[in-house]
Amino acid sequence: MRINKVHHIAVIATDYERSKAFYTEMLGFTVLSEVYREERDSWMGDFALNGEYLLELFSFPSPPPRSTGPESTGLRHLAFEVDDVAAALDELAGKGVRCEELRTDPHTGKRMAFFFDPDGQPLELYER
């Protein structure tokens, strides 16, 4: 088997509209499609970043909270490459997004920092 690339990442939100606004207005994703699945009382949205499909956003009634953060079994975090982590952090913080401090990856020497979506899902900025 040969894997070509990561096709998409799936995220479950407690409030679909709030998370949709976060990923589109704060991070610049565009909505490709949205479907309400009545039988599951669940929204499912497909989102793109820079024209490439990347994220599936779901809502479900009463999903369990993340048990710990970010050190939890399963997906630890989603990382986004940016040209300037410090500038991106300033922009997110200016929009009221909870961010951690700028730091340097000890293995690569690249600047990076964590920030969080509305449900506390850890997201990372990583410098190109």
C-alpha atoms as a PDB file:
ATOM      1  CA  MET A   1       0.000   0.000   0.000  1.00  0.00           C
ATOM      2  CA  ARG A   2       1.157   3.508  -0.812  1.00  0.00           C
ATOM      3  CA  ILE A   3      -0.479   6.434   0.982  1.00  0.00           C
ATOM      4  CA  ASN A   4      -0.510   9.586  -1.142  1.00  0.00           C
ATOM      5  CA  LYS A   5      -1.343  12.218   1.496  1.00  0.00           C
ATOM      6  CA  VAL A   6      -3.618  13.012   4.412  1.00  0.00           C
ATOM      7  CA  HIS A   7      -7.096  13.368   2.911  1.00  0.00           C
ATOM      8  CA  HIS A   8      -8.861  15.156   5.779  1.00  0.00           C
ATOM      9  CA  ILE A   9      -9.017  15.649   9.526  1.00  0.00           C
ATOM     10  CA  ALA A  10     -12.317  15.214  11.388  1.00  0.00           C
ATOM     11  CA  VAL A  11     -13.210  17.392  14.377  1.00  0.00           C
ATOM     12  CA  ILE A  12     -16.284  17.042  16.606  1.00  0.00           C
ATOM     13  CA  ALA A  13     -17.677  20.310  17.960  1.00  0.00           C
ATOM     14  CA  THR A  14     -20.118  20.904  20.799  1.00  0.00           C
ATOM     15  CA  ASP A  15     -21.550  23.916  18.936  1.00  0.00           C
ATOM     16  CA  TYR A  16     -21.359  23.558  15.160  1.00  0.00           C
ATOM     17  CA  GLU A  17     -22.046  27.222  14.317  1.00  0.00           C
ATOM     18  CA  ARG A  18     -19.515  28.503  16.862  1.00  0.00           C
ATOM     19  CA  SER A  19     -16.810  26.157  15.569  1.00  0.00           C
ATOM     20  CA  LYS A  20     -17.726  26.869  11.942  1.00  0.00           C
ATOM     21  CA  ALA A  21     -17.213  30.588  12.646  1.00  0.00           C
ATOM     22  CA  PHE A  22     -13.870  29.852  14.337  1.00  0.00           C
ATOM     23  CA  TYR A  23     -12.475  27.774  11.474  1.00  0.00           C
ATOM     24  CA  THR A  24     -13.764  30.137   8.755  1.00  0.00           C
ATOM     25  CA  GLU A  25     -13.477  33.609  10.312  1.00  0.00           C
ATOM     26  CA  MET A  26     -10.416  33.081  12.520  1.00  0.00           C
ATOM     27  CA  LEU A  27      -8.419  30.579  10.459  1.00  0.00           C
ATOM     28  CA  GLY A  28      -9.555  31.283   6.901  1.00  0.00           C
ATOM     29  CA  PHE A  29     -11.152  27.958   5.946  1.00  0.00           C
ATOM     30  CA  THR A  30     -13.932  28.017   3.344  1.00  0.00           C
ATOM     31  CA  VAL A  31     -17.069  25.897   3.469  1.00  0.00           C
ATOM     32  CA  LEU A  32     -17.283  23.383   0.631  1.00  0.00           C
ATOM     33  CA  SER A  33     -20.514  21.705   1.735  1.00  0.00           C
ATOM     34  CA  GLU A  34     -22.755  21.256   4.751  1.00  0.00           C
ATOM     35  CA  VAL A  35     -25.311  18.571   5.497  1.00  0.00           C
ATOM     36  CA  TYR A  36     -27.700  18.243   8.409  1.00  0.00           C
ATOM     37  CA  ARG A  37     -28.248  14.575   9.187  1.00  0.00           C
ATOM     38  CA  GLU A  38     -31.626  14.586  10.937  1.00  0.00           C
ATOM     39  CA  GLU A  39     -31.489  10.918  11.920  1.00  0.00           C
ATOM     40  CA  ARG A  40     -28.309  11.649  13.922  1.00  0.00           C
ATOM     41  CA  ASP A  41     -29.165  15.232  14.960  1.00  0.00           C
ATOM     42  CA  SER A  42     -25.768  16.067  13.523  1.00  0.00           C
ATOM     43  CA  TRP A  43     -24.195  18.615  11.202  1.00  0.00           C
ATOM     44  CA  MET A  44     -21.353  17.612   8.928  1.00  0.00           C
ATOM     45  CA  GLY A  45     -19.362  20.248   7.075  1.00  0.00           C
ATOM     46  CA  ASP A  46     -16.483  19.928   4.638  1.00  0.00           C
ATOM     47  CA  PHE A  47     -13.959  22.769   4.806  1.00  0.00           C
ATOM     48  CA  ALA A  48     -11.005  23.739   2.620  1.00  0.00           C
ATOM     49  CA  LEU A  49      -7.842  25.683   3.324  1.00  0.00           C
ATOM     50  CA  ASN A  50      -6.235  27.454   0.377  1.00  0.00           C
ATOM     51  CA  GLY A  51      -8.530  25.569  -1.994  1.00  0.00           C
ATOM     52  CA  GLU A  52      -7.671  22.111  -0.667  1.00  0.00           C
ATOM     53  CA  TYR A  53     -10.231  20.005   1.198  1.00  0.00           C
ATOM     54  CA  LEU A  54      -8.807  19.390   4.646  1.00  0.00           C
ATOM     55  CA  LEU A  55     -11.310  19.417   7.501  1.00  0.00           C
ATOM     56  CA  GLU A  56     -14.572  17.682   8.345  1.00  0.00           C
ATOM     57  CA  LEU A  57     -16.492  19.397  11.124  1.00  0.00           C
ATOM     58  CA  PHE A  58     -19.171  17.420  12.958  1.00  0.00           C
ATOM     59  CA  SER A  59     -21.668  18.148  15.681  1.00  0.00           C
ATOM     60  CA  PHE A  60     -23.335  15.458  17.769  1.00  0.00           C
ATOM     61  CA  PRO A  61     -25.699  15.798  20.705  1.00  0.00           C
ATOM     62  CA  SER A  62     -23.745  15.761  23.982  1.00  0.00           C
ATOM     63  CA  PRO A  63     -20.336  14.476  22.866  1.00  0.00           C
ATOM     64  CA  PRO A  64     -18.053  13.591  25.782  1.00  0.00           C
ATOM     65  CA  PRO A  65     -15.486  16.273  26.624  1.00  0.00           C
ATOM     66  CA  ARG A  66     -11.817  15.834  25.818  1.00  0.00           C
ATOM     67  CA  SER A  67     -10.393  13.920  28.785  1.00  0.00           C
ATOM     68  CA  THR A  68      -7.108  15.833  29.048  1.00  0.00           C
ATOM     69  CA  GLY A  69      -5.305  18.349  26.940  1.00  0.00           C
ATOM     70  CA  PRO A  70      -3.335  18.009  24.867  1.00  0.00           C
ATOM     71  CA  GLU A  71      -1.890  14.728  26.152  1.00  0.00           C
ATOM     72  CA  SER A  72      -4.838  12.494  25.388  1.00  0.00           C
ATOM     73  CA  THR A  73      -5.164   9.195  23.572  1.00  0.00           C
ATOM     74  CA  GLY A  74      -6.099   9.703  19.939  1.00  0.00           C
ATOM     75  CA  LEU A  75      -5.470  12.781  17.852  1.00  0.00           C
ATOM     76  CA  ARG A  76      -3.161  14.995  19.894  1.00  0.00           C
ATOM     77  CA  HIS A  77      -3.373  18.135  17.783  1.00  0.00           C
ATOM     78  CA  LEU A  78      -3.611  19.544  14.277  1.00  0.00           C
ATOM     79  CA  ALA A  79      -0.693  21.704  13.100  1.00  0.00           C
ATOM     80  CA  PHE A  80      -0.818  24.522  10.548  1.00  0.00           C
ATOM     81  CA  GLU A  81       2.255  25.828   8.750  1.00  0.00           C
ATOM     82  CA  VAL A  82       2.672  29.617   8.710  1.00  0.00           C
ATOM     83  CA  ASP A  83       5.427  31.957   7.572  1.00  0.00           C
ATOM     84  CA  ASP A  84       5.629  33.870  10.875  1.00  0.00           C
ATOM     85  CA  VAL A  85       4.366  32.201  14.061  1.00  0.00           C
ATOM     86  CA  ALA A  86       4.741  35.344  16.188  1.00  0.00           C
ATOM     87  CA  ALA A  87       2.632  37.430  13.783  1.00  0.00           C
ATOM     88  CA  ALA A  88       0.000  34.686  13.517  1.00  0.00           C
ATOM     89  CA  LEU A  89      -0.164  34.388  17.324  1.00  0.00           C
ATOM     90  CA  ASP A  90      -0.628  38.145  17.651  1.00  0.00           C
ATOM     91  CA  GLU A  91      -3.451  38.043  15.095  1.00  0.00           C
ATOM     92  CA  LEU A  92      -5.242  35.173  16.843  1.00  0.00           C
ATOM     93  CA  ALA A  93      -4.810  36.717  20.296  1.00  0.00           C
ATOM     94  CA  GLY A  94      -6.163  39.999  18.926  1.00  0.00           C
ATOM     95  CA  LYS A  95      -9.308  38.109  17.908  1.00  0.00           C
ATOM     96  CA  GLY A  96      -9.708  36.690  21.413  1.00  0.00           C
ATOM     97  CA  VAL A  97      -8.393  33.196  20.669  1.00  0.00           C
ATOM     98  CA  ARG A  98      -6.705  31.456  23.625  1.00  0.00           C
ATOM     99  CA  CYS A  99      -3.017  30.992  22.773  1.00  0.00           C
ATOM    100  CA  GLU A 100       0.044  29.634  24.505  1.00  0.00           C
ATOM    101  CA  GLU A 101       3.445  31.294  24.395  1.00  0.00           C
ATOM    102  CA  LEU A 102       5.767  31.239  21.410  1.00  0.00           C
ATOM    103  CA  ARG A 103       8.456  28.594  21.726  1.00  0.00           C
ATOM    104  CA  THR A 104      11.085  26.784  19.684  1.00  0.00           C
ATOM    105  CA  ASP A 105      10.886  23.117  18.732  1.00  0.00           C
ATOM    106  CA  PRO A 106      14.039  21.657  20.330  1.00  0.00           C
ATOM    107  CA  HIS A 107      14.436  19.078  17.542  1.00  0.00           C
ATOM    108  CA  THR A 108      14.096  21.332  14.490  1.00  0.00           C
ATOM    109  CA  GLY A 109      14.871  24.810  15.809  1.00  0.00           C
ATOM    110  CA  LYS A 110      11.590  26.069  14.257  1.00  0.00           C
ATOM    111  CA  ARG A 111       9.261  28.447  16.081  1.00  0.00           C
ATOM    112  CA  MET A 112       5.875  27.048  17.119  1.00  0.00           C
ATOM    113  CA  ALA A 113       2.974  27.664  19.466  1.00  0.00           C
ATOM    114  CA  PHE A 114      -0.325  26.106  20.465  1.00  0.00           C
ATOM    115  CA  PHE A 115      -3.756  27.722  20.375  1.00  0.00           C
ATOM    116  CA  PHE A 116      -7.217  26.291  20.954  1.00  0.00           C
ATOM    117  CA  ASP A 117     -10.512  26.010  19.103  1.00  0.00           C
ATOM    118  CA  PRO A 118     -13.809  26.809  20.923  1.00  0.00           C
ATOM    119  CA  ASP A 119     -13.949  23.301  22.426  1.00  0.00           C
ATOM    120  CA  GLY A 120     -10.344  23.347  23.638  1.00  0.00           C
ATOM    121  CA  GLN A 121      -8.993  21.193  20.787  1.00  0.00           C
ATOM    122  CA  PRO A 122      -5.272  21.957  20.672  1.00  0.00           C
ATOM    123  CA  LEU A 123      -4.086  23.412  17.381  1.00  0.00           C
ATOM    124  CA  GLU A 124      -0.514  24.315  16.519  1.00  0.00           C
ATOM    125  CA  LEU A 125       1.172  26.987  14.453  1.00  0.00           C
ATOM    126  CA  TYR A 126       4.479  25.801  13.017  1.00  0.00           C
ATOM    127  CA  GLU A 127       6.881  28.045  11.159  1.00  0.00           C
ATOM    128  CA  ARG A 128       7.846  27.165   7.607  1.00  0.00           C
END
